[in-house]
Amino acid sequence: MTFVVADDNESFDSLLRRFKKRVQGDRILSEIRKRRYFEQPSVVRKRKRAAKLRKSRRTTLKDLRRTY
């Protein structure tokens, strides 16, 4: 569970801002959004395969641009 400790004389706004940053850094909200609905294992594999393909294409294009 994510938590932040309030410093002396710290306003609520800055405390809330630090908490939001920590939650975003821990990727809690993205995990909640991902688990909101059931996703079939075949769909998960398909999505991961597509992401892997996009990443490999991006890296090969970067490498090609560096060689010129």
N, C-alpha and C. Protein backbone atom coordinates (compact mmCIF):
# COMPACT_ATOMS: atom_id res chain seq x y z
N MET A 1 0.85 -1.18 0.00
CA MET A 1 0.00 0.00 0.00
C MET A 1 0.89 1.24 0.00
N THR A 2 0.51 2.19 -0.77
CA THR A 2 1.29 3.41 -0.92
C THR A 2 0.86 4.43 0.13
N PHE A 3 1.86 5.06 0.74
CA PHE A 3 1.56 6.11 1.71
C PHE A 3 2.69 7.12 1.70
N VAL A 4 2.38 8.31 2.19
CA VAL A 4 3.38 9.36 2.37
C VAL A 4 3.25 9.90 3.78
N VAL A 5 4.36 10.33 4.33
CA VAL A 5 4.38 10.89 5.68
C VAL A 5 4.47 12.40 5.55
N ALA A 6 3.62 13.09 6.27
CA ALA A 6 3.60 14.55 6.20
C ALA A 6 4.80 15.13 6.93
N ASP A 7 5.47 16.07 6.29
CA ASP A 7 6.58 16.78 6.91
C ASP A 7 6.02 17.90 7.78
N ASP A 8 6.88 18.48 8.61
CA ASP A 8 6.44 19.61 9.45
C ASP A 8 6.07 20.79 8.57
N ASN A 9 4.96 21.41 8.89
CA ASN A 9 4.46 22.60 8.18
C ASN A 9 4.25 22.36 6.69
N GLU A 10 3.90 21.16 6.32
CA GLU A 10 3.62 20.85 4.91
C GLU A 10 2.13 21.01 4.64
N SER A 11 1.81 21.68 3.57
CA SER A 11 0.40 21.89 3.25
C SER A 11 -0.21 20.60 2.71
N PHE A 12 -1.53 20.55 2.77
CA PHE A 12 -2.23 19.37 2.28
C PHE A 12 -2.05 19.21 0.78
N ASP A 13 -1.99 20.33 0.06
CA ASP A 13 -1.84 20.27 -1.39
C ASP A 13 -0.52 19.62 -1.79
N SER A 14 0.56 20.01 -1.13
CA SER A 14 1.85 19.41 -1.47
C SER A 14 1.90 17.94 -1.06
N LEU A 15 1.24 17.60 0.04
CA LEU A 15 1.17 16.21 0.47
C LEU A 15 0.40 15.37 -0.55
N LEU A 16 -0.71 15.91 -1.02
CA LEU A 16 -1.51 15.22 -2.03
C LEU A 16 -0.73 15.07 -3.33
N ARG A 17 0.02 16.10 -3.71
CA ARG A 17 0.82 16.06 -4.93
C ARG A 17 1.89 14.97 -4.83
N ARG A 18 2.55 14.85 -3.67
CA ARG A 18 3.56 13.80 -3.49
C ARG A 18 2.93 12.42 -3.53
N PHE A 19 1.74 12.30 -2.94
CA PHE A 19 1.04 11.01 -2.95
C PHE A 19 0.68 10.60 -4.37
N LYS A 20 0.16 11.54 -5.16
CA LYS A 20 -0.21 11.24 -6.54
C LYS A 20 0.99 10.81 -7.36
N LYS A 21 2.13 11.48 -7.15
CA LYS A 21 3.35 11.12 -7.87
C LYS A 21 3.80 9.71 -7.51
N ARG A 22 3.71 9.38 -6.23
CA ARG A 22 4.13 8.06 -5.79
C ARG A 22 3.20 6.98 -6.35
N VAL A 23 1.90 7.25 -6.35
CA VAL A 23 0.94 6.29 -6.91
C VAL A 23 1.21 6.09 -8.39
N GLN A 24 1.48 7.18 -9.09
CA GLN A 24 1.76 7.08 -10.52
C GLN A 24 3.08 6.35 -10.76
N GLY A 25 4.06 6.58 -9.91
CA GLY A 25 5.34 5.90 -10.05
C GLY A 25 5.24 4.42 -9.78
N ASP A 26 4.37 4.03 -8.86
CA ASP A 26 4.17 2.61 -8.55
C ASP A 26 3.28 1.92 -9.56
N ARG A 27 2.72 2.68 -10.50
CA ARG A 27 1.85 2.17 -11.56
C ARG A 27 0.62 1.45 -11.01
N ILE A 28 0.08 1.98 -9.95
CA ILE A 28 -1.10 1.37 -9.33
C ILE A 28 -2.34 1.60 -10.18
N LEU A 29 -2.53 2.83 -10.65
CA LEU A 29 -3.74 3.14 -11.42
C LEU A 29 -3.77 2.39 -12.75
N SER A 30 -2.62 2.25 -13.39
CA SER A 30 -2.61 1.51 -14.65
C SER A 30 -2.93 0.04 -14.42
N GLU A 31 -2.47 -0.50 -13.30
CA GLU A 31 -2.79 -1.89 -12.96
C GLU A 31 -4.28 -2.06 -12.69
N ILE A 32 -4.88 -1.09 -12.01
CA ILE A 32 -6.32 -1.14 -11.73
C ILE A 32 -7.11 -1.07 -13.03
N ARG A 33 -6.72 -0.17 -13.93
CA ARG A 33 -7.42 -0.06 -15.21
C ARG A 33 -7.29 -1.34 -16.02
N LYS A 34 -6.11 -1.95 -15.94
CA LYS A 34 -5.89 -3.18 -16.71
C LYS A 34 -6.72 -4.33 -16.16
N ARG A 35 -6.91 -4.39 -14.85
CA ARG A 35 -7.64 -5.49 -14.24
C ARG A 35 -9.14 -5.21 -14.08
N ARG A 36 -9.59 -4.10 -14.59
CA ARG A 36 -10.99 -3.73 -14.43
C ARG A 36 -11.92 -4.75 -15.06
N TYR A 37 -11.55 -5.23 -16.23
CA TYR A 37 -12.35 -6.23 -16.94
C TYR A 37 -11.48 -7.44 -17.20
N PHE A 38 -12.12 -8.59 -17.24
CA PHE A 38 -11.39 -9.83 -17.51
C PHE A 38 -10.91 -9.83 -18.95
N GLU A 39 -9.68 -10.27 -19.11
CA GLU A 39 -9.10 -10.36 -20.44
C GLU A 39 -8.66 -11.80 -20.66
N GLN A 40 -9.11 -12.38 -21.73
CA GLN A 40 -8.79 -13.78 -22.00
C GLN A 40 -7.28 -13.95 -22.19
N PRO A 41 -6.75 -15.09 -21.78
CA PRO A 41 -5.31 -15.31 -21.93
C PRO A 41 -4.84 -15.18 -23.38
N SER A 42 -5.66 -15.58 -24.33
CA SER A 42 -5.26 -15.45 -25.73
C SER A 42 -5.15 -13.98 -26.13
N VAL A 43 -6.02 -13.15 -25.60
CA VAL A 43 -5.97 -11.72 -25.90
C VAL A 43 -4.75 -11.09 -25.26
N VAL A 44 -4.42 -11.54 -24.05
CA VAL A 44 -3.23 -11.02 -23.37
C VAL A 44 -1.98 -11.36 -24.18
N ARG A 45 -1.89 -12.61 -24.63
CA ARG A 45 -0.74 -13.02 -25.43
C ARG A 45 -0.65 -12.23 -26.73
N LYS A 46 -1.79 -12.01 -27.36
CA LYS A 46 -1.83 -11.25 -28.61
C LYS A 46 -1.37 -9.81 -28.39
N ARG A 47 -1.84 -9.19 -27.31
CA ARG A 47 -1.46 -7.81 -27.00
C ARG A 47 0.03 -7.71 -26.71
N LYS A 48 0.56 -8.67 -25.94
CA LYS A 48 1.98 -8.65 -25.61
C LYS A 48 2.84 -8.88 -26.85
N ARG A 49 2.39 -9.77 -27.73
CA ARG A 49 3.13 -10.04 -28.96
C ARG A 49 3.16 -8.80 -29.83
N ALA A 50 2.04 -8.09 -29.92
CA ALA A 50 1.98 -6.87 -30.73
C ALA A 50 2.89 -5.79 -30.14
N ALA A 51 2.92 -5.68 -28.82
CA ALA A 51 3.78 -4.69 -28.18
C ALA A 51 5.25 -5.02 -28.42
N LYS A 52 5.57 -6.30 -28.36
CA LYS A 52 6.94 -6.73 -28.61
C LYS A 52 7.35 -6.41 -30.04
N LEU A 53 6.44 -6.64 -30.98
CA LEU A 53 6.72 -6.36 -32.38
C LEU A 53 6.92 -4.86 -32.61
N ARG A 54 6.07 -4.04 -32.00
CA ARG A 54 6.23 -2.58 -32.12
C ARG A 54 7.58 -2.13 -31.57
N LYS A 55 7.95 -2.68 -30.44
CA LYS A 55 9.21 -2.29 -29.81
C LYS A 55 10.40 -2.70 -30.67
N SER A 56 10.36 -3.89 -31.23
CA SER A 56 11.47 -4.34 -32.07
C SER A 56 11.57 -3.50 -33.34
N ARG A 57 10.44 -3.16 -33.93
CA ARG A 57 10.45 -2.29 -35.12
C ARG A 57 11.03 -0.92 -34.78
N ARG A 58 10.64 -0.39 -33.64
CA ARG A 58 11.13 0.92 -33.23
C ARG A 58 12.65 0.89 -33.04
N THR A 59 13.16 -0.15 -32.40
CA THR A 59 14.60 -0.22 -32.18
C THR A 59 15.36 -0.42 -33.48
N THR A 60 14.83 -1.20 -34.41
CA THR A 60 15.52 -1.37 -35.69
C THR A 60 15.53 -0.07 -36.48
N LEU A 61 14.44 0.67 -36.44
CA LEU A 61 14.42 1.97 -37.12
C LEU A 61 15.41 2.93 -36.50
N LYS A 62 15.52 2.91 -35.17
CA LYS A 62 16.49 3.76 -34.50
C LYS A 62 17.91 3.40 -34.92
N ASP A 63 18.18 2.10 -34.98
CA ASP A 63 19.51 1.65 -35.38
C ASP A 63 19.82 2.05 -36.82
N LEU A 64 18.83 1.96 -37.69
CA LEU A 64 19.04 2.35 -39.08
C LEU A 64 19.32 3.84 -39.20
N ARG A 65 18.64 4.63 -38.41
CA ARG A 65 18.85 6.08 -38.46
C ARG A 65 20.23 6.45 -37.93
N ARG A 66 20.72 5.70 -36.96
CA ARG A 66 22.04 6.00 -36.39
C ARG A 66 23.16 5.68 -37.37
N THR A 67 22.97 4.70 -38.22
CA THR A 67 24.05 4.31 -39.14
C THR A 67 24.29 5.35 -40.22
N TYR A 68 23.32 6.19 -40.53
CA TYR A 68 23.49 7.19 -41.58
C TYR A 68 24.09 8.44 -41.08
